[in-house]
């Protein structure tokens, strides 16, 4: 396994497959459930307001 170090945020940051339906299907993830989770994650209210992210780990 090769270590992965994300680019700086100004250069795009972490990799994402959220909008790539083929990549999600190739990973064996359920697109509908992932979309539901994204919407739930976006609905979280933080005080003070902050950016909230998530990571999906499969077979980890």
PDB file of N, CA and C in Angstrom:
ATOM      1  N   UNK A   1       0.849  -1.178   0.000  1.00  0.00           N
ATOM      2  CA  UNK A   1       0.000   0.000   0.000  1.00  0.00           C
ATOM      3  C   UNK A   1       0.893   1.239   0.000  1.00  0.00           C
ATOM      4  N   UNK A   2       0.572   2.182  -0.852  1.00  0.00           N
ATOM      5  CA  UNK A   2       1.330   3.414  -0.954  1.00  0.00           C
ATOM      6  C   UNK A   2       0.721   4.477  -0.060  1.00  0.00           C
ATOM      7  N   UNK A   3       1.542   5.157   0.763  1.00  0.00           N
ATOM      8  CA  UNK A   3       0.988   6.231   1.604  1.00  0.00           C
ATOM      9  C   UNK A   3       0.423   7.357   0.734  1.00  0.00           C
ATOM     10  N   UNK A   4      -0.618   7.998   1.216  1.00  0.00           N
ATOM     11  CA  UNK A   4      -1.224   9.114   0.489  1.00  0.00           C
ATOM     12  C   UNK A   4      -1.171  10.365   1.349  1.00  0.00           C
ATOM     13  N   UNK A   5      -0.654  11.415   0.796  1.00  0.00           N
ATOM     14  CA  UNK A   5      -0.612  12.711   1.471  1.00  0.00           C
ATOM     15  C   UNK A   5      -1.384  13.701   0.605  1.00  0.00           C
ATOM     16  N   UNK A   6      -2.472  14.249   1.119  1.00  0.00           N
ATOM     17  CA  UNK A   6      -3.293  15.148   0.294  1.00  0.00           C
ATOM     18  C   UNK A   6      -2.567  16.436  -0.039  1.00  0.00           C
ATOM     19  N   UNK A   7      -3.004  17.044  -1.119  1.00  0.00           N
ATOM     20  CA  UNK A   7      -2.497  18.365  -1.484  1.00  0.00           C
ATOM     21  C   UNK A   7      -2.973  19.376  -0.453  1.00  0.00           C
ATOM     22  N   UNK A   8      -2.367  20.545  -0.467  1.00  0.00           N
ATOM     23  CA  UNK A   8      -2.839  21.605   0.419  1.00  0.00           C
ATOM     24  C   UNK A   8      -4.262  21.991   0.009  1.00  0.00           C
ATOM     25  N   UNK A   9      -5.016  22.582   0.930  1.00  0.00           N
ATOM     26  CA  UNK A   9      -6.399  22.981   0.628  1.00  0.00           C
ATOM     27  C   UNK A   9      -6.452  23.931  -0.568  1.00  0.00           C
ATOM     28  N   UNK A  10      -5.461  24.802  -0.705  1.00  0.00           N
ATOM     29  CA  UNK A  10      -5.454  25.757  -1.825  1.00  0.00           C
ATOM     30  C   UNK A  10      -5.276  25.058  -3.174  1.00  0.00           C
ATOM     31  N   UNK A  11      -4.803  23.809  -3.145  1.00  0.00           N
ATOM     32  CA  UNK A  11      -4.609  23.041  -4.380  1.00  0.00           C
ATOM     33  C   UNK A  11      -5.617  21.908  -4.522  1.00  0.00           C
ATOM     34  N   UNK A  12      -6.681  21.933  -3.710  1.00  0.00           N
ATOM     35  CA  UNK A  12      -7.732  20.939  -3.862  1.00  0.00           C
ATOM     36  C   UNK A  12      -7.923  20.014  -2.676  1.00  0.00           C
ATOM     37  N   UNK A  13      -6.920  19.888  -1.818  1.00  0.00           N
ATOM     38  CA  UNK A  13      -7.061  19.094  -0.602  1.00  0.00           C
ATOM     39  C   UNK A  13      -7.240  17.606  -0.868  1.00  0.00           C
ATOM     40  N   UNK A  14      -8.043  16.963  -0.023  1.00  0.00           N
ATOM     41  CA  UNK A  14      -8.277  15.523  -0.089  1.00  0.00           C
ATOM     42  C   UNK A  14      -9.003  15.130  -1.367  1.00  0.00           C
ATOM     43  N   UNK A  15      -8.761  13.906  -1.807  1.00  0.00           N
ATOM     44  CA  UNK A  15      -9.484  13.363  -2.963  1.00  0.00           C
ATOM     45  C   UNK A  15     -10.944  13.148  -2.576  1.00  0.00           C
ATOM     46  N   UNK A  16     -11.814  13.210  -3.555  1.00  0.00           N
ATOM     47  CA  UNK A  16     -13.232  12.996  -3.306  1.00  0.00           C
ATOM     48  C   UNK A  16     -13.847  12.253  -4.476  1.00  0.00           C
ATOM     49  N   UNK A  17     -14.759  11.340  -4.171  1.00  0.00           N
ATOM     50  CA  UNK A  17     -15.469  10.629  -5.234  1.00  0.00           C
ATOM     51  C   UNK A  17     -16.959  10.920  -5.174  1.00  0.00           C
ATOM     52  N   UNK A  18     -17.388  11.845  -4.304  1.00  0.00           N
ATOM     53  CA  UNK A  18     -18.810  12.059  -4.068  1.00  0.00           C
ATOM     54  C   UNK A  18     -19.612  12.319  -5.342  1.00  0.00           C
ATOM     55  N   UNK A  19     -19.066  13.061  -6.289  1.00  0.00           N
ATOM     56  CA  UNK A  19     -19.824  13.401  -7.496  1.00  0.00           C
ATOM     57  C   UNK A  19     -19.493  12.470  -8.670  1.00  0.00           C
ATOM     58  N   UNK A  20     -18.687  11.448  -8.425  1.00  0.00           N
ATOM     59  CA  UNK A  20     -18.300  10.523  -9.488  1.00  0.00           C
ATOM     60  C   UNK A  20     -19.047   9.203  -9.274  1.00  0.00           C
ATOM     61  N   UNK A  21     -20.214   9.077  -9.889  1.00  0.00           N
ATOM     62  CA  UNK A  21     -21.080   7.910  -9.661  1.00  0.00           C
ATOM     63  C   UNK A  21     -20.417   6.592 -10.069  1.00  0.00           C
ATOM     64  N   UNK A  22     -19.622   6.604 -11.124  1.00  0.00           N
ATOM     65  CA  UNK A  22     -18.942   5.372 -11.546  1.00  0.00           C
ATOM     66  C   UNK A  22     -17.937   4.948 -10.483  1.00  0.00           C
ATOM     67  N   UNK A  23     -17.166   5.884  -9.950  1.00  0.00           N
ATOM     68  CA  UNK A  23     -16.183   5.544  -8.917  1.00  0.00           C
ATOM     69  C   UNK A  23     -16.880   4.996  -7.672  1.00  0.00           C
ATOM     70  N   UNK A  24     -18.005   5.585  -7.307  1.00  0.00           N
ATOM     71  CA  UNK A  24     -18.756   5.122  -6.140  1.00  0.00           C
ATOM     72  C   UNK A  24     -19.267   3.703  -6.375  1.00  0.00           C
ATOM     73  N   UNK A  25     -19.803   3.447  -7.560  1.00  0.00           N
ATOM     74  CA  UNK A  25     -20.283   2.103  -7.888  1.00  0.00           C
ATOM     75  C   UNK A  25     -19.122   1.109  -7.905  1.00  0.00           C
ATOM     76  N   UNK A  26     -17.981   1.515  -8.470  1.00  0.00           N
ATOM     77  CA  UNK A  26     -16.810   0.637  -8.515  1.00  0.00           C
ATOM     78  C   UNK A  26     -16.320   0.276  -7.114  1.00  0.00           C
ATOM     79  N   UNK A  27     -16.517   1.176  -6.151  1.00  0.00           N
ATOM     80  CA  UNK A  27     -16.117   0.919  -4.765  1.00  0.00           C
ATOM     81  C   UNK A  27     -17.133   0.061  -4.025  1.00  0.00           C
ATOM     82  N   UNK A  28     -18.299  -0.162  -4.634  1.00  0.00           N
ATOM     83  CA  UNK A  28     -19.330  -0.973  -4.007  1.00  0.00           C
ATOM     84  C   UNK A  28     -20.134  -0.209  -2.970  1.00  0.00           C
ATOM     85  N   UNK A  29     -20.128   1.116  -3.051  1.00  0.00           N
ATOM     86  CA  UNK A  29     -20.892   1.938  -2.116  1.00  0.00           C
ATOM     87  C   UNK A  29     -22.286   2.206  -2.668  1.00  0.00           C
ATOM     88  N   UNK A  30     -23.243   2.392  -1.784  1.00  0.00           N
ATOM     89  CA  UNK A  30     -24.622   2.674  -2.154  1.00  0.00           C
ATOM     90  C   UNK A  30     -24.777   4.187  -2.360  1.00  0.00           C
ATOM     91  N   UNK A  31     -24.976   4.612  -3.613  1.00  0.00           N
ATOM     92  CA  UNK A  31     -25.057   6.043  -3.939  1.00  0.00           C
ATOM     93  C   UNK A  31     -26.181   6.739  -3.182  1.00  0.00           C
ATOM     94  N   UNK A  32     -27.344   6.104  -3.077  1.00  0.00           N
ATOM     95  CA  UNK A  32     -28.486   6.716  -2.398  1.00  0.00           C
ATOM     96  C   UNK A  32     -28.162   6.945  -0.922  1.00  0.00           C
ATOM     97  N   UNK A  33     -27.606   5.930  -0.266  1.00  0.00           N
ATOM     98  CA  UNK A  33     -27.257   6.069   1.151  1.00  0.00           C
ATOM     99  C   UNK A  33     -26.162   7.115   1.342  1.00  0.00           C
ATOM    100  N   UNK A  34     -25.207   7.171   0.424  1.00  0.00           N
ATOM    101  CA  UNK A  34     -24.155   8.182   0.513  1.00  0.00           C
ATOM    102  C   UNK A  34     -24.749   9.580   0.355  1.00  0.00           C
ATOM    103  N   UNK A  35     -25.669   9.754  -0.606  1.00  0.00           N
ATOM    104  CA  UNK A  35     -26.329  11.051  -0.784  1.00  0.00           C
ATOM    105  C   UNK A  35     -27.117  11.444   0.471  1.00  0.00           C
ATOM    106  N   UNK A  36     -27.810  10.469   1.083  1.00  0.00           N
ATOM    107  CA  UNK A  36     -28.556  10.752   2.313  1.00  0.00           C
ATOM    108  C   UNK A  36     -27.611  11.185   3.429  1.00  0.00           C
ATOM    109  N   UNK A  37     -26.462  10.523   3.521  1.00  0.00           N
ATOM    110  CA  UNK A  37     -25.484  10.870   4.551  1.00  0.00           C
ATOM    111  C   UNK A  37     -24.915  12.269   4.309  1.00  0.00           C
ATOM    112  N   UNK A  38     -24.650  12.598   3.056  1.00  0.00           N
ATOM    113  CA  UNK A  38     -24.143  13.936   2.727  1.00  0.00           C
ATOM    114  C   UNK A  38     -25.157  14.991   3.157  1.00  0.00           C
ATOM    115  N   UNK A  39     -26.431  14.774   2.857  1.00  0.00           N
ATOM    116  CA  UNK A  39     -27.462  15.748   3.238  1.00  0.00           C
ATOM    117  C   UNK A  39     -27.572  15.867   4.753  1.00  0.00           C
ATOM    118  N   UNK A  40     -27.494  14.740   5.468  1.00  0.00           N
ATOM    119  CA  UNK A  40     -27.520  14.779   6.928  1.00  0.00           C
ATOM    120  C   UNK A  40     -26.320  15.565   7.452  1.00  0.00           C
ATOM    121  N   UNK A  41     -25.142  15.281   6.875  1.00  0.00           N
ATOM    122  CA  UNK A  41     -23.924  15.961   7.310  1.00  0.00           C
ATOM    123  C   UNK A  41     -24.023  17.471   7.092  1.00  0.00           C
ATOM    124  N   UNK A  42     -24.616  17.877   5.971  1.00  0.00           N
ATOM    125  CA  UNK A  42     -24.761  19.305   5.682  1.00  0.00           C
ATOM    126  C   UNK A  42     -25.764  19.975   6.618  1.00  0.00           C
ATOM    127  N   UNK A  43     -26.668  19.174   7.205  1.00  0.00           N
ATOM    128  CA  UNK A  43     -27.693  19.752   8.075  1.00  0.00           C
ATOM    129  C   UNK A  43     -27.202  19.980   9.510  1.00  0.00           C
ATOM    130  N   UNK A  44     -26.025  19.467   9.843  1.00  0.00           N
ATOM    131  CA  UNK A  44     -25.491  19.623  11.195  1.00  0.00           C
ATOM    132  C   UNK A  44     -25.230  21.101  11.477  1.00  0.00           C
ATOM    133  N   UNK A  45     -25.737  21.557  12.598  1.00  0.00           N
ATOM    134  CA  UNK A  45     -25.510  22.942  13.005  1.00  0.00           C
ATOM    135  C   UNK A  45     -24.409  22.970  14.058  1.00  0.00           C
ATOM    136  N   UNK A  46     -23.410  23.771  13.834  1.00  0.00           N
ATOM    137  CA  UNK A  46     -22.305  23.896  14.777  1.00  0.00           C
ATOM    138  C   UNK A  46     -22.305  25.305  15.356  1.00  0.00           C
ATOM    139  N   UNK A  47     -21.874  25.412  16.595  1.00  0.00           N
ATOM    140  CA  UNK A  47     -21.787  26.717  17.243  1.00  0.00           C
ATOM    141  C   UNK A  47     -20.420  26.843  17.880  1.00  0.00           C
ATOM    142  N   UNK A  48     -19.535  27.676  17.379  1.00  0.00           N
ATOM    143  CA  UNK A  48     -19.738  28.584  16.257  1.00  0.00           C
ATOM    144  C   UNK A  48     -19.736  27.827  14.919  1.00  0.00           C
ATOM    145  N   UNK A  49     -20.321  28.449  13.870  1.00  0.00           N
ATOM    146  CA  UNK A  49     -20.350  27.794  12.556  1.00  0.00           C
ATOM    147  C   UNK A  49     -18.944  27.420  12.091  1.00  0.00           C
ATOM    148  N   UNK A  50     -18.827  26.243  11.538  1.00  0.00           N
ATOM    149  CA  UNK A  50     -17.537  25.755  11.062  1.00  0.00           C
ATOM    150  C   UNK A  50     -17.772  24.808   9.899  1.00  0.00           C
ATOM    151  N   UNK A  51     -16.729  24.534   9.149  1.00  0.00           N
ATOM    152  CA  UNK A  51     -16.853  23.561   8.072  1.00  0.00           C
ATOM    153  C   UNK A  51     -16.835  22.170   8.684  1.00  0.00           C
ATOM    154  N   UNK A  52     -17.772  21.325   8.278  1.00  0.00           N
ATOM    155  CA  UNK A  52     -17.865  19.965   8.790  1.00  0.00           C
ATOM    156  C   UNK A  52     -17.648  19.021   7.622  1.00  0.00           C
ATOM    157  N   UNK A  53     -16.758  18.073   7.772  1.00  0.00           N
ATOM    158  CA  UNK A  53     -16.490  17.104   6.716  1.00  0.00           C
ATOM    159  C   UNK A  53     -16.644  15.696   7.237  1.00  0.00           C
ATOM    160  N   UNK A  54     -16.514  14.729   6.367  1.00  0.00           N
ATOM    161  CA  UNK A  54     -16.596  13.333   6.782  1.00  0.00           C
ATOM    162  C   UNK A  54     -15.742  12.487   5.868  1.00  0.00           C
ATOM    163  N   UNK A  55     -15.411  11.321   6.357  1.00  0.00           N
ATOM    164  CA  UNK A  55     -14.620  10.372   5.600  1.00  0.00           C
ATOM    165  C   UNK A  55     -15.312   9.011   5.689  1.00  0.00           C
ATOM    166  N   UNK A  56     -15.440   8.342   4.562  1.00  0.00           N
ATOM    167  CA  UNK A  56     -16.017   7.008   4.542  1.00  0.00           C
ATOM    168  C   UNK A  56     -14.857   6.027   4.399  1.00  0.00           C
ATOM    169  N   UNK A  57     -14.766   5.093   5.334  1.00  0.00           N
ATOM    170  CA  UNK A  57     -13.726   4.077   5.286  1.00  0.00           C
ATOM    171  C   UNK A  57     -14.414   2.737   5.065  1.00  0.00           C
ATOM    172  N   UNK A  58     -14.056   2.093   3.973  1.00  0.00           N
ATOM    173  CA  UNK A  58     -14.675   0.796   3.660  1.00  0.00           C
ATOM    174  C   UNK A  58     -13.657  -0.304   3.923  1.00  0.00           C
ATOM    175  N   UNK A  59     -14.089  -1.346   4.602  1.00  0.00           N
ATOM    176  CA  UNK A  59     -13.218  -2.485   4.914  1.00  0.00           C
ATOM    177  C   UNK A  59     -11.983  -2.053   5.690  1.00  0.00           C
ATOM    178  N   UNK A  60     -12.160  -1.044   6.547  1.00  0.00           N
ATOM    179  CA  UNK A  60     -11.037  -0.505   7.313  1.00  0.00           C
ATOM    180  C   UNK A  60     -10.894  -1.177   8.554  1.00  0.00           C
TER     181      UNK A  60
END
